[in-house]
């Protein structure tokens, strides 16, 4: 368990008790007392909270927990942020958009979608994070050491939920809160379409990045 999981420890302890021992409950239909047991099915959270609950970092080059090391990302030199492409991998193999490279990143995409992460692989990939020292000095030394290695991963810790005996067997462990995602996406779309000040994503930096990437020439700045 890491310092980020301290606030989750009481919850996990109660979940373990509900699974191993259970609590007495009253059945109104049979008028009998029985031992009720319960299990955590999944979590529902927004994307920033995903790192606290799953252990996968939602910032940087490997932001997508599904794509993992296959995340298709690119750093924008002018916008000073990462952009994420490669979404056509999830379309049908015969979808027209796969051959419309000029509408996207300038290339056709015939790749298949990445395989979803498996719990056993997650446990193996986070083995080196179990029991590591905490604190700012330890974290700085850890990050410096990892930058010199070839192994790259978005895992920051092993989730405390893996201490639950059934968590590894869950096919779906985390859900994203659609309400927050819809709001953020719609704010960006409407802000760009209506050209709202400080909300539009169509700015000079974005157009410089398009020229830098060599795509969408009709949107490049005219000097």
C-alpha atoms as a PDB file:
ATOM      1  CA  UNK A   1       0.000   0.000   0.000  1.00  0.00           C
ATOM      2  CA  UNK A   2       1.253   3.481  -0.845  1.00  0.00           C
ATOM      3  CA  UNK A   3       0.584   6.791   0.856  1.00  0.00           C
ATOM      4  CA  UNK A   4      -2.064   7.599  -1.776  1.00  0.00           C
ATOM      5  CA  UNK A   5      -4.102   4.584  -0.613  1.00  0.00           C
ATOM      6  CA  UNK A   6      -4.321   5.528   3.058  1.00  0.00           C
ATOM      7  CA  UNK A   7      -7.776   7.035   2.663  1.00  0.00           C
ATOM      8  CA  UNK A   8      -8.989   3.879   0.905  1.00  0.00           C
ATOM      9  CA  UNK A   9      -7.685   1.464   3.553  1.00  0.00           C
ATOM     10  CA  UNK A  10     -10.765   1.669   5.865  1.00  0.00           C
ATOM     11  CA  UNK A  11     -13.050   1.013   2.903  1.00  0.00           C
ATOM     12  CA  UNK A  12     -11.019  -1.977   1.711  1.00  0.00           C
ATOM     13  CA  UNK A  13     -10.932  -3.451   5.216  1.00  0.00           C
ATOM     14  CA  UNK A  14     -14.725  -3.277   5.423  1.00  0.00           C
ATOM     15  CA  UNK A  15     -15.028  -4.814   1.961  1.00  0.00           C
ATOM     16  CA  UNK A  16     -12.780  -7.673   3.054  1.00  0.00           C
ATOM     17  CA  UNK A  17     -14.973  -8.230   6.110  1.00  0.00           C
ATOM     18  CA  UNK A  18     -18.133  -8.193   3.989  1.00  0.00           C
ATOM     19  CA  UNK A  19     -16.601 -10.829   1.708  1.00  0.00           C
ATOM     20  CA  UNK A  20     -14.908 -13.090   4.280  1.00  0.00           C
ATOM     21  CA  UNK A  21     -17.345 -12.852   7.200  1.00  0.00           C
ATOM     22  CA  UNK A  22     -20.391 -10.897   6.113  1.00  0.00           C
ATOM     23  CA  UNK A  23     -22.988  -9.263   8.362  1.00  0.00           C
ATOM     24  CA  UNK A  24     -26.253 -10.503   9.766  1.00  0.00           C
ATOM     25  CA  UNK A  25     -29.328  -9.294   7.866  1.00  0.00           C
ATOM     26  CA  UNK A  26     -33.059  -9.900   8.160  1.00  0.00           C
ATOM     27  CA  UNK A  27     -35.058 -11.446   5.314  1.00  0.00           C
ATOM     28  CA  UNK A  28     -38.557  -9.965   5.490  1.00  0.00           C
ATOM     29  CA  UNK A  29     -40.066 -12.606   3.174  1.00  0.00           C
ATOM     30  CA  UNK A  30     -38.858 -15.658   5.146  1.00  0.00           C
ATOM     31  CA  UNK A  31     -38.633 -13.775   8.468  1.00  0.00           C
ATOM     32  CA  UNK A  32     -35.224 -15.260   9.084  1.00  0.00           C
ATOM     33  CA  UNK A  33     -31.774 -13.938   9.927  1.00  0.00           C
ATOM     34  CA  UNK A  34     -29.107 -14.766   7.375  1.00  0.00           C
ATOM     35  CA  UNK A  35     -25.442 -13.922   6.782  1.00  0.00           C
ATOM     36  CA  UNK A  36     -25.204 -11.261   4.078  1.00  0.00           C
ATOM     37  CA  UNK A  37     -22.012 -11.067   2.031  1.00  0.00           C
ATOM     38  CA  UNK A  38     -21.105  -8.388  -0.490  1.00  0.00           C
ATOM     39  CA  UNK A  39     -18.476  -7.654  -3.138  1.00  0.00           C
ATOM     40  CA  UNK A  40     -17.320  -4.503  -4.880  1.00  0.00           C
ATOM     41  CA  UNK A  41     -18.303  -4.796  -8.543  1.00  0.00           C
ATOM     42  CA  UNK A  42     -16.430  -1.781  -9.958  1.00  0.00           C
ATOM     43  CA  UNK A  43     -15.644   1.872  -9.397  1.00  0.00           C
ATOM     44  CA  UNK A  44     -17.235   4.850 -11.181  1.00  0.00           C
ATOM     45  CA  UNK A  45     -15.061   7.959 -11.390  1.00  0.00           C
ATOM     46  CA  UNK A  46     -13.861  10.739 -13.641  1.00  0.00           C
ATOM     47  CA  UNK A  47     -10.569  10.461 -15.501  1.00  0.00           C
ATOM     48  CA  UNK A  48      -8.340  12.378 -13.034  1.00  0.00           C
ATOM     49  CA  UNK A  49      -9.490  10.071 -10.199  1.00  0.00           C
ATOM     50  CA  UNK A  50      -8.583   7.036 -12.290  1.00  0.00           C
ATOM     51  CA  UNK A  51      -4.928   7.237 -11.264  1.00  0.00           C
ATOM     52  CA  UNK A  52      -5.819   7.107  -7.558  1.00  0.00           C
ATOM     53  CA  UNK A  53      -8.083   4.076  -7.923  1.00  0.00           C
ATOM     54  CA  UNK A  54      -6.334   2.053 -10.625  1.00  0.00           C
ATOM     55  CA  UNK A  55      -2.700   3.136 -10.311  1.00  0.00           C
ATOM     56  CA  UNK A  56      -2.359   4.060 -14.001  1.00  0.00           C
ATOM     57  CA  UNK A  57      -1.192   7.620 -14.634  1.00  0.00           C
ATOM     58  CA  UNK A  58      -3.639   9.728 -16.635  1.00  0.00           C
ATOM     59  CA  UNK A  59      -1.043  12.308 -17.660  1.00  0.00           C
ATOM     60  CA  UNK A  60       1.736  12.309 -20.208  1.00  0.00           C
ATOM     61  CA  UNK A  61       2.511  10.139 -23.196  1.00  0.00           C
ATOM     62  CA  UNK A  62       0.814   6.927 -21.994  1.00  0.00           C
ATOM     63  CA  UNK A  63      -2.421   8.464 -20.775  1.00  0.00           C
ATOM     64  CA  UNK A  64      -4.793   5.799 -22.114  1.00  0.00           C
ATOM     65  CA  UNK A  65      -5.171   2.866 -19.682  1.00  0.00           C
ATOM     66  CA  UNK A  66      -6.645   0.697 -22.446  1.00  0.00           C
ATOM     67  CA  UNK A  67      -3.934   1.309 -25.059  1.00  0.00           C
ATOM     68  CA  UNK A  68      -1.182   1.349 -22.387  1.00  0.00           C
ATOM     69  CA  UNK A  69       2.229   1.260 -24.092  1.00  0.00           C
ATOM     70  CA  UNK A  70       0.472   1.305 -27.488  1.00  0.00           C
ATOM     71  CA  UNK A  71      -1.005   4.761 -26.839  1.00  0.00           C
ATOM     72  CA  UNK A  72      -0.746   6.828 -30.022  1.00  0.00           C
ATOM     73  CA  UNK A  73       0.457  10.174 -28.646  1.00  0.00           C
ATOM     74  CA  UNK A  74       2.437  13.129 -29.891  1.00  0.00           C
ATOM     75  CA  UNK A  75       3.791  16.169 -28.075  1.00  0.00           C
ATOM     76  CA  UNK A  76       2.752  19.486 -29.624  1.00  0.00           C
ATOM     77  CA  UNK A  77       5.716  21.863 -29.649  1.00  0.00           C
ATOM     78  CA  UNK A  78       3.615  25.006 -29.893  1.00  0.00           C
ATOM     79  CA  UNK A  79       0.671  23.992 -27.746  1.00  0.00           C
ATOM     80  CA  UNK A  80       2.980  22.454 -25.121  1.00  0.00           C
ATOM     81  CA  UNK A  81       0.704  19.484 -24.524  1.00  0.00           C
ATOM     82  CA  UNK A  82       0.161  15.938 -25.744  1.00  0.00           C
ATOM     83  CA  UNK A  83      -2.387  15.067 -28.396  1.00  0.00           C
ATOM     84  CA  UNK A  84      -3.772  11.568 -28.814  1.00  0.00           C
ATOM     85  CA  UNK A  85      -4.674  10.048 -32.155  1.00  0.00           C
ATOM     86  CA  UNK A  86      -5.078   6.544 -33.526  1.00  0.00           C
ATOM     87  CA  UNK A  87      -8.775   6.316 -32.682  1.00  0.00           C
ATOM     88  CA  UNK A  88      -9.582   4.754 -36.076  1.00  0.00           C
ATOM     89  CA  UNK A  89      -8.158   1.464 -34.768  1.00  0.00           C
ATOM     90  CA  UNK A  90     -11.534   0.782 -33.157  1.00  0.00           C
ATOM     91  CA  UNK A  91     -13.513   1.204 -36.385  1.00  0.00           C
ATOM     92  CA  UNK A  92     -14.611  -1.718 -38.533  1.00  0.00           C
ATOM     93  CA  UNK A  93     -11.839  -3.007 -40.772  1.00  0.00           C
ATOM     94  CA  UNK A  94     -13.752  -1.865 -43.880  1.00  0.00           C
ATOM     95  CA  UNK A  95     -14.720   1.561 -42.552  1.00  0.00           C
ATOM     96  CA  UNK A  96     -14.147   4.407 -45.020  1.00  0.00           C
ATOM     97  CA  UNK A  97     -12.393   6.578 -42.440  1.00  0.00           C
ATOM     98  CA  UNK A  98      -9.497   4.138 -42.304  1.00  0.00           C
ATOM     99  CA  UNK A  99      -8.531   5.185 -45.840  1.00  0.00           C
ATOM    100  CA  UNK A 100      -9.187   8.920 -45.333  1.00  0.00           C
ATOM    101  CA  UNK A 101      -5.806   9.809 -43.927  1.00  0.00           C
ATOM    102  CA  UNK A 102      -5.924  13.456 -45.005  1.00  0.00           C
ATOM    103  CA  UNK A 103      -8.922  14.037 -42.747  1.00  0.00           C
ATOM    104  CA  UNK A 104      -6.953  12.851 -39.726  1.00  0.00           C
ATOM    105  CA  UNK A 105      -3.190  12.498 -39.242  1.00  0.00           C
ATOM    106  CA  UNK A 106      -2.238  12.207 -42.908  1.00  0.00           C
ATOM    107  CA  UNK A 107      -1.903   8.424 -43.031  1.00  0.00           C
ATOM    108  CA  UNK A 108      -4.193   5.443 -43.517  1.00  0.00           C
ATOM    109  CA  UNK A 109      -4.751   3.265 -40.469  1.00  0.00           C
ATOM    110  CA  UNK A 110      -5.151  -0.489 -40.897  1.00  0.00           C
ATOM    111  CA  UNK A 111      -4.179  -1.447 -37.356  1.00  0.00           C
ATOM    112  CA  UNK A 112      -6.400  -3.496 -35.077  1.00  0.00           C
ATOM    113  CA  UNK A 113      -7.515  -2.284 -31.663  1.00  0.00           C
ATOM    114  CA  UNK A 114      -5.170  -3.036 -28.733  1.00  0.00           C
ATOM    115  CA  UNK A 115      -5.961  -5.971 -26.500  1.00  0.00           C
ATOM    116  CA  UNK A 116      -7.575  -4.972 -23.173  1.00  0.00           C
ATOM    117  CA  UNK A 117      -5.328  -5.236 -20.106  1.00  0.00           C
ATOM    118  CA  UNK A 118      -5.438  -8.482 -18.120  1.00  0.00           C
ATOM    119  CA  UNK A 119      -5.322  -8.477 -14.319  1.00  0.00           C
ATOM    120  CA  UNK A 120      -2.515 -11.028 -14.180  1.00  0.00           C
ATOM    121  CA  UNK A 121      -0.389  -8.830 -16.459  1.00  0.00           C
ATOM    122  CA  UNK A 122      -1.137  -5.782 -14.300  1.00  0.00           C
ATOM    123  CA  UNK A 123       0.062  -7.622 -11.193  1.00  0.00           C
ATOM    124  CA  UNK A 124       3.249  -8.647 -12.955  1.00  0.00           C
ATOM    125  CA  UNK A 125       3.934  -5.148 -14.338  1.00  0.00           C
ATOM    126  CA  UNK A 126       3.417  -3.519 -10.924  1.00  0.00           C
ATOM    127  CA  UNK A 127       5.552  -6.006  -9.000  1.00  0.00           C
ATOM    128  CA  UNK A 128       8.486  -3.583  -8.915  1.00  0.00           C
ATOM    129  CA  UNK A 129       6.244  -0.911  -7.346  1.00  0.00           C
ATOM    130  CA  UNK A 130       5.207  -2.986  -4.332  1.00  0.00           C
ATOM    131  CA  UNK A 131       7.056  -1.966  -1.192  1.00  0.00           C
ATOM    132  CA  UNK A 132       9.001   0.889  -2.773  1.00  0.00           C
ATOM    133  CA  UNK A 133      10.002   3.703  -0.448  1.00  0.00           C
ATOM    134  CA  UNK A 134       7.793   6.744  -0.117  1.00  0.00           C
ATOM    135  CA  UNK A 135       8.553  10.410   0.297  1.00  0.00           C
ATOM    136  CA  UNK A 136       9.805  13.118  -2.036  1.00  0.00           C
ATOM    137  CA  UNK A 137      13.486  12.092  -2.009  1.00  0.00           C
ATOM    138  CA  UNK A 138      12.690   8.451  -2.714  1.00  0.00           C
ATOM    139  CA  UNK A 139      10.279   9.417  -5.501  1.00  0.00           C
ATOM    140  CA  UNK A 140      12.814  11.697  -7.195  1.00  0.00           C
ATOM    141  CA  UNK A 141      15.466   8.993  -7.053  1.00  0.00           C
ATOM    142  CA  UNK A 142      12.991   6.434  -8.400  1.00  0.00           C
ATOM    143  CA  UNK A 143      11.957   8.667 -11.329  1.00  0.00           C
ATOM    144  CA  UNK A 144      15.592   9.418 -12.178  1.00  0.00           C
ATOM    145  CA  UNK A 145      16.441   5.723 -12.208  1.00  0.00           C
ATOM    146  CA  UNK A 146      13.468   4.834 -14.392  1.00  0.00           C
ATOM    147  CA  UNK A 147      14.314   7.499 -16.982  1.00  0.00           C
ATOM    148  CA  UNK A 148      17.528   5.663 -17.729  1.00  0.00           C
ATOM    149  CA  UNK A 149      15.833   2.322 -18.349  1.00  0.00           C
ATOM    150  CA  UNK A 150      14.233   1.021 -21.509  1.00  0.00           C
ATOM    151  CA  UNK A 151      11.113  -0.124 -19.673  1.00  0.00           C
ATOM    152  CA  UNK A 152       8.336   2.446 -19.894  1.00  0.00           C
ATOM    153  CA  UNK A 153       5.010   2.109 -18.161  1.00  0.00           C
ATOM    154  CA  UNK A 154       2.159   4.280 -16.959  1.00  0.00           C
ATOM    155  CA  UNK A 155       1.817   2.389 -13.677  1.00  0.00           C
ATOM    156  CA  UNK A 156       2.479   4.534 -10.602  1.00  0.00           C
ATOM    157  CA  UNK A 157       1.427   1.971  -8.005  1.00  0.00           C
ATOM    158  CA  UNK A 158      -0.485  -1.272  -7.568  1.00  0.00           C
ATOM    159  CA  UNK A 159      -4.077  -0.521  -6.658  1.00  0.00           C
ATOM    160  CA  UNK A 160      -5.065  -1.366  -3.103  1.00  0.00           C
ATOM    161  CA  UNK A 161      -8.167  -3.053  -4.524  1.00  0.00           C
ATOM    162  CA  UNK A 162      -5.958  -5.965  -5.598  1.00  0.00           C
ATOM    163  CA  UNK A 163      -5.849  -6.948  -1.924  1.00  0.00           C
ATOM    164  CA  UNK A 164      -9.483  -7.988  -2.339  1.00  0.00           C
ATOM    165  CA  UNK A 165      -9.499 -11.738  -3.131  1.00  0.00           C
ATOM    166  CA  UNK A 166     -11.926 -11.375  -6.044  1.00  0.00           C
ATOM    167  CA  UNK A 167     -10.626  -8.165  -7.665  1.00  0.00           C
ATOM    168  CA  UNK A 168      -8.227  -9.958  -9.987  1.00  0.00           C
ATOM    169  CA  UNK A 169     -11.103 -11.973 -11.455  1.00  0.00           C
ATOM    170  CA  UNK A 170     -13.205  -8.929 -12.373  1.00  0.00           C
ATOM    171  CA  UNK A 171     -13.433  -8.415 -16.107  1.00  0.00           C
ATOM    172  CA  UNK A 172     -14.376  -4.755 -15.669  1.00  0.00           C
ATOM    173  CA  UNK A 173     -12.807  -2.990 -12.706  1.00  0.00           C
ATOM    174  CA  UNK A 174     -13.217   0.735 -13.393  1.00  0.00           C
ATOM    175  CA  UNK A 175     -15.840   2.839 -15.160  1.00  0.00           C
ATOM    176  CA  UNK A 176     -15.504   6.423 -16.323  1.00  0.00           C
ATOM    177  CA  UNK A 177     -18.146   8.951 -15.315  1.00  0.00           C
ATOM    178  CA  UNK A 178     -19.825   9.900 -18.598  1.00  0.00           C
ATOM    179  CA  UNK A 179     -21.331  13.079 -17.161  1.00  0.00           C
ATOM    180  CA  UNK A 180     -17.972  14.810 -16.670  1.00  0.00           C
ATOM    181  CA  UNK A 181     -16.585  13.560 -19.981  1.00  0.00           C
ATOM    182  CA  UNK A 182     -19.626  14.739 -21.954  1.00  0.00           C
ATOM    183  CA  UNK A 183     -19.451  18.171 -20.356  1.00  0.00           C
ATOM    184  CA  UNK A 184     -15.756  18.649 -21.091  1.00  0.00           C
ATOM    185  CA  UNK A 185     -16.076  17.419 -24.673  1.00  0.00           C
ATOM    186  CA  UNK A 186     -19.138  19.532 -25.397  1.00  0.00           C
ATOM    187  CA  UNK A 187     -17.523  22.625 -23.859  1.00  0.00           C
ATOM    188  CA  UNK A 188     -14.557  22.214 -26.202  1.00  0.00           C
ATOM    189  CA  UNK A 189     -16.706  21.529 -29.283  1.00  0.00           C
ATOM    190  CA  UNK A 190     -19.149  24.392 -28.685  1.00  0.00           C
ATOM    191  CA  UNK A 191     -16.374  26.778 -27.686  1.00  0.00           C
ATOM    192  CA  UNK A 192     -14.569  26.041 -30.963  1.00  0.00           C
ATOM    193  CA  UNK A 193     -17.655  26.125 -33.225  1.00  0.00           C
ATOM    194  CA  UNK A 194     -18.934  29.385 -31.700  1.00  0.00           C
ATOM    195  CA  UNK A 195     -15.405  30.842 -31.481  1.00  0.00           C
ATOM    196  CA  UNK A 196     -15.853  31.744 -27.827  1.00  0.00           C
ATOM    197  CA  UNK A 197     -13.030  33.755 -26.319  1.00  0.00           C
ATOM    198  CA  UNK A 198     -10.666  31.722 -24.102  1.00  0.00           C
ATOM    199  CA  UNK A 199     -12.689  28.564 -24.868  1.00  0.00           C
ATOM    200  CA  UNK A 200     -12.010  27.854 -28.532  1.00  0.00           C
ATOM    201  CA  UNK A 201      -9.330  25.291 -29.366  1.00  0.00           C
ATOM    202  CA  UNK A 202      -8.829  26.853 -32.827  1.00  0.00           C
ATOM    203  CA  UNK A 203      -5.999  29.224 -31.999  1.00  0.00           C
ATOM    204  CA  UNK A 204      -2.730  30.170 -33.652  1.00  0.00           C
ATOM    205  CA  UNK A 205      -0.785  27.576 -31.640  1.00  0.00           C
ATOM    206  CA  UNK A 206      -3.072  24.803 -32.881  1.00  0.00           C
ATOM    207  CA  UNK A 207      -2.566  25.912 -36.477  1.00  0.00           C
ATOM    208  CA  UNK A 208       1.196  26.061 -36.036  1.00  0.00           C
ATOM    209  CA  UNK A 209       1.094  22.500 -34.708  1.00  0.00           C
ATOM    210  CA  UNK A 210      -0.887  21.382 -37.764  1.00  0.00           C
ATOM    211  CA  UNK A 211       1.843  22.814 -39.977  1.00  0.00           C
ATOM    212  CA  UNK A 212       4.498  21.184 -37.814  1.00  0.00           C
ATOM    213  CA  UNK A 213       2.758  17.810 -38.235  1.00  0.00           C
ATOM    214  CA  UNK A 214       2.353  18.372 -41.980  1.00  0.00           C
ATOM    215  CA  UNK A 215      -1.422  17.798 -42.067  1.00  0.00           C
ATOM    216  CA  UNK A 216      -4.547  19.823 -42.908  1.00  0.00           C
ATOM    217  CA  UNK A 217      -2.731  22.353 -45.100  1.00  0.00           C
ATOM    218  CA  UNK A 218      -5.937  24.334 -45.631  1.00  0.00           C
ATOM    219  CA  UNK A 219      -5.850  25.286 -41.934  1.00  0.00           C
ATOM    220  CA  UNK A 220      -2.250  26.480 -41.828  1.00  0.00           C
ATOM    221  CA  UNK A 221      -1.572  30.116 -40.963  1.00  0.00           C
ATOM    222  CA  UNK A 222      -1.180  32.442 -43.947  1.00  0.00           C
ATOM    223  CA  UNK A 223       1.713  34.790 -43.248  1.00  0.00           C
END
